[in-house]
Amino acid sequence: MFVLQLINIMNQLWILNNHDLSVLTFNCLQTGDKRGFIEMITDAETLKEIQGSAINAFKKSIINGWLKQHNPSTKNFLKAIDNFSNSCAAYSVATYILGIGDRHNDNVMVKYSGHMFHIDFGKYLGDAQMFAGIVNRDRSPMLFTQDMFYVINQGTEASGRFQEYIDKCCRAFQILRENYNMFLTIMELVTLIIYLIISLFFSLYKMIDSYIPGLNKAAIQFVYKNLMMESSDDEAREQFTKFEYLK
């Protein structure tokens, strides 16, 4: 619920700055300890379902073919590609800024319309998914696969489409940097509101200690660091585009 609220705030900042990235989220309401309601998104499948098998997972064109199957007309297919590229850029930036971990093909979904979105936000703000208790299982701060690249680039040959995608990511990142005071202030308010809501069900001490790991003042510093606010715009862009998923 907390992560979705923050993604929605990011989306509003992007829209206010004329950078609509076709962000799709879903409603979530907690009603008790590990209980609540989550909105069902129809006409969507996980990457695992799209890939179908371990063999298909290595086919670079698998998502592209799936989108063509559900968008047989050229007009709809081109729109689906645009929706995929935009939403992929949005979630790449959002998951990096918020330190969303445990990303794999069961935690990413795509609608027939091309809108890509993430689900299952149990690991966030630096609470990484560990292997054997010591190794971070998330090898990259963002999930970006070869089959995602294939859709955005429309093939494996070099083209300007992927550079446009990088520019979308960097613009989204820059907007959050430009509005970091507003974003972090709202983040603090959302944190406080959720504290108050959840405290209706639990003691405040237990909530801070175990029920919502990472939801504390350190979260603000985590986001501030990921926004690279100590760096210039050029330095931040250069560092941001060094991540493996952009190569």
C-alpha atoms as a PDB file:
ATOM      1  CA  MET A   1       0.000   0.000   0.000  1.00  0.00           C
ATOM      2  CA  PHE A   2       2.852   2.354   0.918  1.00  0.00           C
ATOM      3  CA  VAL A   3       4.854   1.640  -2.242  1.00  0.00           C
ATOM      4  CA  LEU A   4       1.829   2.087  -4.498  1.00  0.00           C
ATOM      5  CA  GLN A   5       1.106   5.449  -2.876  1.00  0.00           C
ATOM      6  CA  LEU A   6       4.653   6.598  -3.621  1.00  0.00           C
ATOM      7  CA  ILE A   7       4.505   5.384  -7.228  1.00  0.00           C
ATOM      8  CA  ASN A   8       1.254   7.306  -7.675  1.00  0.00           C
ATOM      9  CA  ILE A   9       2.929  10.440  -6.296  1.00  0.00           C
ATOM     10  CA  MET A  10       5.780  10.026  -8.786  1.00  0.00           C
ATOM     11  CA  ASN A  11       3.272   9.615 -11.588  1.00  0.00           C
ATOM     12  CA  GLN A  12       1.465  12.824 -10.635  1.00  0.00           C
ATOM     13  CA  LEU A  13       4.763  14.728 -10.649  1.00  0.00           C
ATOM     14  CA  TRP A  14       5.580  13.343 -14.101  1.00  0.00           C
ATOM     15  CA  ILE A  15       2.161  14.265 -15.474  1.00  0.00           C
ATOM     16  CA  LEU A  16       2.384  17.787 -13.998  1.00  0.00           C
ATOM     17  CA  ASN A  17       5.665  18.164 -15.847  1.00  0.00           C
ATOM     18  CA  ASN A  18       4.238  16.988 -19.192  1.00  0.00           C
ATOM     19  CA  HIS A  19       5.926  13.614 -19.027  1.00  0.00           C
ATOM     20  CA  ASP A  20       3.072  11.114 -19.054  1.00  0.00           C
ATOM     21  CA  LEU A  21       4.537   7.598 -18.906  1.00  0.00           C
ATOM     22  CA  SER A  22       1.323   5.576 -19.114  1.00  0.00           C
ATOM     23  CA  VAL A  23       1.735   4.414 -15.503  1.00  0.00           C
ATOM     24  CA  LEU A  24      -0.663   1.704 -14.380  1.00  0.00           C
ATOM     25  CA  THR A  25      -1.127   0.919 -10.696  1.00  0.00           C
ATOM     26  CA  PHE A  26      -3.805  -0.889  -8.715  1.00  0.00           C
ATOM     27  CA  ASN A  27      -5.685  -0.217  -5.513  1.00  0.00           C
ATOM     28  CA  CYS A  28      -4.640  -1.867  -2.267  1.00  0.00           C
ATOM     29  CA  LEU A  29      -6.284  -1.581   1.152  1.00  0.00           C
ATOM     30  CA  GLN A  30      -5.047  -3.183   4.352  1.00  0.00           C
ATOM     31  CA  THR A  31      -7.756  -4.343   6.749  1.00  0.00           C
ATOM     32  CA  GLY A  32      -5.644  -6.206   9.298  1.00  0.00           C
ATOM     33  CA  ASP A  33      -2.423  -8.065   9.951  1.00  0.00           C
ATOM     34  CA  LYS A  34      -1.427  -9.546   6.562  1.00  0.00           C
ATOM     35  CA  ARG A  35      -4.995  -9.034   5.362  1.00  0.00           C
ATOM     36  CA  GLY A  36      -6.580  -6.714   2.868  1.00  0.00           C
ATOM     37  CA  PHE A  37      -7.931  -6.190  -0.604  1.00  0.00           C
ATOM     38  CA  ILE A  38      -5.985  -5.888  -3.862  1.00  0.00           C
ATOM     39  CA  GLU A  39      -7.597  -4.748  -7.097  1.00  0.00           C
ATOM     40  CA  MET A  40      -7.547  -7.306  -9.896  1.00  0.00           C
ATOM     41  CA  ILE A  41      -6.079  -6.072 -13.173  1.00  0.00           C
ATOM     42  CA  THR A  42      -7.778  -7.882 -16.050  1.00  0.00           C
ATOM     43  CA  ASP A  43      -6.344  -8.706 -19.483  1.00  0.00           C
ATOM     44  CA  ALA A  44      -2.847  -9.056 -18.028  1.00  0.00           C
ATOM     45  CA  GLU A  45      -0.318 -11.830 -17.502  1.00  0.00           C
ATOM     46  CA  THR A  46       2.968 -12.153 -15.629  1.00  0.00           C
ATOM     47  CA  LEU A  47       6.203 -12.370 -17.587  1.00  0.00           C
ATOM     48  CA  LYS A  48       6.407 -15.975 -16.426  1.00  0.00           C
ATOM     49  CA  GLU A  49       3.024 -16.741 -17.988  1.00  0.00           C
ATOM     50  CA  ILE A  50       3.978 -14.901 -21.183  1.00  0.00           C
ATOM     51  CA  GLN A  51       7.248 -16.759 -21.475  1.00  0.00           C
ATOM     52  CA  GLY A  52       5.425 -20.016 -20.848  1.00  0.00           C
ATOM     53  CA  SER A  53       8.489 -22.134 -20.233  1.00  0.00           C
ATOM     54  CA  ALA A  54      12.140 -21.917 -19.306  1.00  0.00           C
ATOM     55  CA  ILE A  55      13.027 -22.284 -22.999  1.00  0.00           C
ATOM     56  CA  ASN A  56      10.821 -19.394 -24.084  1.00  0.00           C
ATOM     57  CA  ALA A  57      12.328 -17.231 -21.349  1.00  0.00           C
ATOM     58  CA  PHE A  58      15.488 -17.062 -23.495  1.00  0.00           C
ATOM     59  CA  LYS A  59      13.689 -16.026 -26.673  1.00  0.00           C
ATOM     60  CA  LYS A  60      14.260 -12.313 -27.114  1.00  0.00           C
ATOM     61  CA  SER A  61      11.085 -11.792 -29.150  1.00  0.00           C
ATOM     62  CA  ILE A  62       8.663 -13.570 -26.789  1.00  0.00           C
ATOM     63  CA  ILE A  63       6.991 -10.446 -25.301  1.00  0.00           C
ATOM     64  CA  ASN A  64       6.896  -8.763 -28.701  1.00  0.00           C
ATOM     65  CA  GLY A  65       5.125 -11.770 -30.212  1.00  0.00           C
ATOM     66  CA  TRP A  66       2.658 -11.881 -27.313  1.00  0.00           C
ATOM     67  CA  LEU A  67       1.797  -8.200 -27.860  1.00  0.00           C
ATOM     68  CA  LYS A  68       1.311  -8.818 -31.589  1.00  0.00           C
ATOM     69  CA  GLN A  69      -1.011 -11.697 -30.807  1.00  0.00           C
ATOM     70  CA  HIS A  70      -3.243  -9.431 -28.695  1.00  0.00           C
ATOM     71  CA  ASN A  71      -2.913  -6.420 -31.009  1.00  0.00           C
ATOM     72  CA  PRO A  72      -3.290  -7.751 -34.564  1.00  0.00           C
ATOM     73  CA  SER A  73      -3.847  -4.347 -36.166  1.00  0.00           C
ATOM     74  CA  THR A  74      -0.782  -2.208 -36.888  1.00  0.00           C
ATOM     75  CA  LYS A  75      -2.293   0.806 -35.113  1.00  0.00           C
ATOM     76  CA  ASN A  76      -2.988  -1.078 -31.889  1.00  0.00           C
ATOM     77  CA  PHE A  77       0.373  -2.837 -31.971  1.00  0.00           C
ATOM     78  CA  LEU A  78       2.270   0.455 -32.324  1.00  0.00           C
ATOM     79  CA  LYS A  79       0.241   1.894 -29.448  1.00  0.00           C
ATOM     80  CA  ALA A  80       1.049  -1.180 -27.335  1.00  0.00           C
ATOM     81  CA  ILE A  81       4.776  -0.711 -28.045  1.00  0.00           C
ATOM     82  CA  ASP A  82       4.505   2.931 -26.966  1.00  0.00           C
ATOM     83  CA  ASN A  83       2.622   1.975 -23.788  1.00  0.00           C
ATOM     84  CA  PHE A  84       5.226  -0.689 -23.006  1.00  0.00           C
ATOM     85  CA  SER A  85       8.176   1.649 -23.518  1.00  0.00           C
ATOM     86  CA  ASN A  86       6.623   4.432 -21.416  1.00  0.00           C
ATOM     87  CA  SER A  87       5.506   2.243 -18.534  1.00  0.00           C
ATOM     88  CA  CYS A  88       8.765   0.294 -18.527  1.00  0.00           C
ATOM     89  CA  ALA A  89      10.680   3.565 -18.171  1.00  0.00           C
ATOM     90  CA  ALA A  90       8.404   4.663 -15.322  1.00  0.00           C
ATOM     91  CA  TYR A  91       8.771   1.449 -13.344  1.00  0.00           C
ATOM     92  CA  SER A  92      12.523   1.270 -13.991  1.00  0.00           C
ATOM     93  CA  VAL A  93      12.925   4.678 -12.348  1.00  0.00           C
ATOM     94  CA  ALA A  94      10.376   4.035  -9.584  1.00  0.00           C
ATOM     95  CA  THR A  95      11.809   0.672  -8.561  1.00  0.00           C
ATOM     96  CA  TYR A  96      15.319   2.138  -8.511  1.00  0.00           C
ATOM     97  CA  ILE A  97      14.366   5.198  -6.424  1.00  0.00           C
ATOM     98  CA  LEU A  98      12.397   3.101  -3.925  1.00  0.00           C
ATOM     99  CA  GLY A  99      14.879   0.231  -3.861  1.00  0.00           C
ATOM    100  CA  ILE A 100      12.255  -2.355  -4.842  1.00  0.00           C
ATOM    101  CA  GLY A 101      13.829  -5.793  -4.564  1.00  0.00           C
ATOM    102  CA  ASP A 102      12.900  -9.395  -5.290  1.00  0.00           C
ATOM    103  CA  ARG A 103      12.236  -8.607  -8.948  1.00  0.00           C
ATOM    104  CA  HIS A 104      11.636 -11.628 -11.180  1.00  0.00           C
ATOM    105  CA  ASN A 105       9.257 -12.740 -13.924  1.00  0.00           C
ATOM    106  CA  ASP A 106       6.465 -13.558 -11.453  1.00  0.00           C
ATOM    107  CA  ASN A 107       6.493  -9.984 -10.093  1.00  0.00           C
ATOM    108  CA  VAL A 108       6.108  -8.126 -13.387  1.00  0.00           C
ATOM    109  CA  MET A 109       2.927  -8.110 -15.460  1.00  0.00           C
ATOM    110  CA  VAL A 110       1.917  -6.812 -18.894  1.00  0.00           C
ATOM    111  CA  LYS A 111      -1.561  -5.919 -20.092  1.00  0.00           C
ATOM    112  CA  TYR A 112      -2.747  -6.748 -23.580  1.00  0.00           C
ATOM    113  CA  SER A 113      -2.572  -2.979 -24.193  1.00  0.00           C
ATOM    114  CA  GLY A 114       1.188  -3.051 -23.568  1.00  0.00           C
ATOM    115  CA  HIS A 115       1.145  -1.430 -20.129  1.00  0.00           C
ATOM    116  CA  MET A 116       3.823  -3.045 -17.972  1.00  0.00           C
ATOM    117  CA  PHE A 117       3.540  -2.878 -14.180  1.00  0.00           C
ATOM    118  CA  HIS A 118       5.139  -4.419 -11.105  1.00  0.00           C
ATOM    119  CA  ILE A 119       3.447  -6.287  -8.254  1.00  0.00           C
ATOM    120  CA  ASP A 120       4.493  -7.745  -4.879  1.00  0.00           C
ATOM    121  CA  PHE A 121       6.391  -5.033  -3.023  1.00  0.00           C
ATOM    122  CA  GLY A 122       7.537  -6.963   0.024  1.00  0.00           C
ATOM    123  CA  LYS A 123      11.151  -5.824  -0.369  1.00  0.00           C
ATOM    124  CA  TYR A 124      11.722  -2.089  -0.619  1.00  0.00           C
ATOM    125  CA  LEU A 125      13.837   0.856   0.578  1.00  0.00           C
ATOM    126  CA  GLY A 126      16.967  -1.241   0.892  1.00  0.00           C
ATOM    127  CA  ASP A 127      15.351  -4.315   2.480  1.00  0.00           C
ATOM    128  CA  ALA A 128      16.962  -6.598  -0.092  1.00  0.00           C
ATOM    129  CA  GLN A 129      16.134 -10.201  -0.923  1.00  0.00           C
ATOM    130  CA  MET A 130      19.136 -12.179   0.304  1.00  0.00           C
ATOM    131  CA  PHE A 131      20.590 -15.538  -0.671  1.00  0.00           C
ATOM    132  CA  ALA A 132      22.028 -17.588   2.214  1.00  0.00           C
ATOM    133  CA  GLY A 133      21.559 -14.495   4.355  1.00  0.00           C
ATOM    134  CA  ILE A 134      24.549 -12.657   2.899  1.00  0.00           C
ATOM    135  CA  VAL A 135      24.261 -12.158  -0.867  1.00  0.00           C
ATOM    136  CA  ASN A 136      21.810  -9.725  -2.445  1.00  0.00           C
ATOM    137  CA  ARG A 137      19.793 -11.729  -4.995  1.00  0.00           C
ATOM    138  CA  ASP A 138      18.967  -8.619  -7.032  1.00  0.00           C
ATOM    139  CA  ARG A 139      21.925  -8.256  -9.384  1.00  0.00           C
ATOM    140  CA  SER A 140      20.759  -4.905 -10.801  1.00  0.00           C
ATOM    141  CA  PRO A 141      18.881  -1.952  -9.242  1.00  0.00           C
ATOM    142  CA  MET A 142      16.325  -2.263 -12.058  1.00  0.00           C
ATOM    143  CA  LEU A 143      14.765  -5.202 -13.864  1.00  0.00           C
ATOM    144  CA  PHE A 144      15.367  -4.938 -17.595  1.00  0.00           C
ATOM    145  CA  THR A 145      15.592  -8.021 -19.778  1.00  0.00           C
ATOM    146  CA  GLN A 146      16.555  -8.746 -23.378  1.00  0.00           C
ATOM    147  CA  ASP A 147      12.950  -9.404 -24.353  1.00  0.00           C
ATOM    148  CA  MET A 148      11.968  -5.991 -22.937  1.00  0.00           C
ATOM    149  CA  PHE A 149      14.757  -4.437 -25.008  1.00  0.00           C
ATOM    150  CA  TYR A 150      13.458  -6.254 -28.087  1.00  0.00           C
ATOM    151  CA  VAL A 151       9.982  -4.696 -27.714  1.00  0.00           C
ATOM    152  CA  ILE A 152      11.273  -1.172 -27.114  1.00  0.00           C
ATOM    153  CA  ASN A 153      13.940  -1.345 -29.820  1.00  0.00           C
ATOM    154  CA  GLN A 154      11.750  -3.424 -32.173  1.00  0.00           C
ATOM    155  CA  GLY A 155      14.536  -5.874 -32.832  1.00  0.00           C
ATOM    156  CA  THR A 156      18.136  -6.481 -31.908  1.00  0.00           C
ATOM    157  CA  GLU A 157      19.705  -4.117 -34.437  1.00  0.00           C
ATOM    158  CA  ALA A 158      20.819  -0.703 -33.215  1.00  0.00           C
ATOM    159  CA  SER A 159      18.158   2.009 -33.570  1.00  0.00           C
ATOM    160  CA  GLY A 160      17.155   5.332 -32.099  1.00  0.00           C
ATOM    161  CA  ARG A 161      14.218   3.775 -30.251  1.00  0.00           C
ATOM    162  CA  PHE A 162      16.320   2.634 -27.323  1.00  0.00           C
ATOM    163  CA  GLN A 163      17.982   6.038 -26.975  1.00  0.00           C
ATOM    164  CA  GLU A 164      14.498   7.540 -26.786  1.00  0.00           C
ATOM    165  CA  TYR A 165      13.743   5.080 -23.990  1.00  0.00           C
ATOM    166  CA  ILE A 166      16.884   6.120 -22.096  1.00  0.00           C
ATOM    167  CA  ASP A 167      15.876   9.759 -22.506  1.00  0.00           C
ATOM    168  CA  LYS A 168      12.435   8.961 -21.045  1.00  0.00           C
ATOM    169  CA  CYS A 169      14.078   7.329 -18.028  1.00  0.00           C
ATOM    170  CA  CYS A 170      16.465  10.224 -17.505  1.00  0.00           C
ATOM    171  CA  ARG A 171      13.710  12.816 -17.840  1.00  0.00           C
ATOM    172  CA  ALA A 172      11.564  10.965 -15.281  1.00  0.00           C
ATOM    173  CA  PHE A 173      14.566  10.747 -12.943  1.00  0.00           C
ATOM    174  CA  GLN A 174      15.346  14.448 -13.392  1.00  0.00           C
ATOM    175  CA  ILE A 175      11.758  15.509 -12.641  1.00  0.00           C
ATOM    176  CA  LEU A 176      11.937  13.698  -9.300  1.00  0.00           C
ATOM    177  CA  ARG A 177      15.248  15.400  -8.565  1.00  0.00           C
ATOM    178  CA  GLU A 178      13.795  18.798  -9.410  1.00  0.00           C
ATOM    179  CA  ASN A 179      10.846  18.150  -7.103  1.00  0.00           C
ATOM    180  CA  TYR A 180      12.681  16.246  -4.384  1.00  0.00           C
ATOM    181  CA  ASN A 181      11.555  18.589  -1.576  1.00  0.00           C
ATOM    182  CA  MET A 182       7.909  18.105  -2.478  1.00  0.00           C
ATOM    183  CA  PHE A 183       8.314  14.363  -3.037  1.00  0.00           C
ATOM    184  CA  LEU A 184      10.120  13.715   0.246  1.00  0.00           C
ATOM    185  CA  THR A 185       7.684  15.913   2.182  1.00  0.00           C
ATOM    186  CA  ILE A 186       4.711  14.024   0.753  1.00  0.00           C
ATOM    187  CA  MET A 187       6.543  10.766   1.451  1.00  0.00           C
ATOM    188  CA  GLU A 188       6.857  11.756   5.105  1.00  0.00           C
ATOM    189  CA  LEU A 189       3.138  12.627   5.245  1.00  0.00           C
ATOM    190  CA  VAL A 190       2.155   9.323   3.635  1.00  0.00           C
ATOM    191  CA  THR A 191       4.366   7.525   6.134  1.00  0.00           C
ATOM    192  CA  LEU A 192       2.646   9.320   9.013  1.00  0.00           C
ATOM    193  CA  ILE A 193      -0.842   8.594   7.655  1.00  0.00           C
ATOM    194  CA  ILE A 194      -0.066   4.894   7.233  1.00  0.00           C
ATOM    195  CA  TYR A 195       1.392   4.821  10.736  1.00  0.00           C
ATOM    196  CA  LEU A 196      -1.896   6.170  12.050  1.00  0.00           C
ATOM    197  CA  ILE A 197      -4.013   3.754  10.008  1.00  0.00           C
ATOM    198  CA  ILE A 198      -2.037   0.655  10.923  1.00  0.00           C
ATOM    199  CA  SER A 199      -1.828   1.669  14.571  1.00  0.00           C
ATOM    200  CA  LEU A 200      -5.578   1.108  14.733  1.00  0.00           C
ATOM    201  CA  PHE A 201      -4.819  -2.594  14.370  1.00  0.00           C
ATOM    202  CA  PHE A 202      -1.444  -2.982  16.093  1.00  0.00           C
ATOM    203  CA  SER A 203       0.552  -1.416  18.866  1.00  0.00           C
ATOM    204  CA  LEU A 204       2.799   1.302  17.424  1.00  0.00           C
ATOM    205  CA  TYR A 205       5.906  -0.279  18.933  1.00  0.00           C
ATOM    206  CA  LYS A 206       5.353  -3.609  17.211  1.00  0.00           C
ATOM    207  CA  MET A 207       4.500  -1.927  13.946  1.00  0.00           C
ATOM    208  CA  ILE A 208       7.793  -0.056  13.807  1.00  0.00           C
ATOM    209  CA  ASP A 209       9.736  -3.046  15.002  1.00  0.00           C
ATOM    210  CA  SER A 210       8.411  -5.756  12.713  1.00  0.00           C
ATOM    211  CA  TYR A 211       5.193  -5.186  10.777  1.00  0.00           C
ATOM    212  CA  ILE A 212       6.469  -2.650   8.256  1.00  0.00           C
ATOM    213  CA  PRO A 213      10.249  -3.014   7.878  1.00  0.00           C
ATOM    214  CA  GLY A 214      11.943   0.004   6.351  1.00  0.00           C
ATOM    215  CA  LEU A 215       9.052   2.389   6.968  1.00  0.00           C
ATOM    216  CA  ASN A 216      10.919   4.897   9.119  1.00  0.00           C
ATOM    217  CA  LYS A 217      13.018   8.046   8.886  1.00  0.00           C
ATOM    218  CA  ALA A 218      15.875   6.117   7.296  1.00  0.00           C
ATOM    219  CA  ALA A 219      13.592   5.617   4.277  1.00  0.00           C
ATOM    220  CA  ILE A 220      13.735   9.344   3.544  1.00  0.00           C
ATOM    221  CA  GLN A 221      17.533   9.261   3.519  1.00  0.00           C
ATOM    222  CA  PHE A 222      17.495   6.156   1.307  1.00  0.00           C
ATOM    223  CA  VAL A 223      15.421   7.930  -1.344  1.00  0.00           C
ATOM    224  CA  TYR A 224      17.480  11.126  -1.028  1.00  0.00           C
ATOM    225  CA  LYS A 225      20.646   9.116  -1.685  1.00  0.00           C
ATOM    226  CA  ASN A 226      19.145   7.334  -4.703  1.00  0.00           C
ATOM    227  CA  LEU A 227      18.107  10.680  -6.162  1.00  0.00           C
ATOM    228  CA  MET A 228      21.815  11.633  -6.041  1.00  0.00           C
ATOM    229  CA  MET A 229      20.979  15.058  -4.655  1.00  0.00           C
ATOM    230  CA  GLU A 230      24.630  15.727  -3.835  1.00  0.00           C
ATOM    231  CA  SER A 231      25.507  15.485  -7.551  1.00  0.00           C
ATOM    232  CA  SER A 232      24.996  17.921 -10.403  1.00  0.00           C
ATOM    233  CA  ASP A 233      22.388  17.159 -13.064  1.00  0.00           C
ATOM    234  CA  ASP A 234      25.060  16.035 -15.536  1.00  0.00           C
ATOM    235  CA  GLU A 235      26.793  13.869 -12.937  1.00  0.00           C
ATOM    236  CA  ALA A 236      23.496  12.291 -11.867  1.00  0.00           C
ATOM    237  CA  ARG A 237      22.510  11.521 -15.463  1.00  0.00           C
ATOM    238  CA  GLU A 238      25.928  10.021 -16.187  1.00  0.00           C
ATOM    239  CA  GLN A 239      25.750   7.821 -13.100  1.00  0.00           C
ATOM    240  CA  PHE A 240      22.139   6.847 -13.761  1.00  0.00           C
ATOM    241  CA  THR A 241      22.910   5.706 -17.318  1.00  0.00           C
ATOM    242  CA  LYS A 242      25.808   3.524 -16.157  1.00  0.00           C
ATOM    243  CA  PHE A 243      23.502   0.873 -14.766  1.00  0.00           C
ATOM    244  CA  GLU A 244      23.830  -2.477 -16.501  1.00  0.00           C
ATOM    245  CA  TYR A 245      20.275  -2.478 -17.825  1.00  0.00           C
ATOM    246  CA  LEU A 246      21.063   0.477 -20.077  1.00  0.00           C
ATOM    247  CA  LYS A 247      23.980  -1.241 -21.850  1.00  0.00           C
END
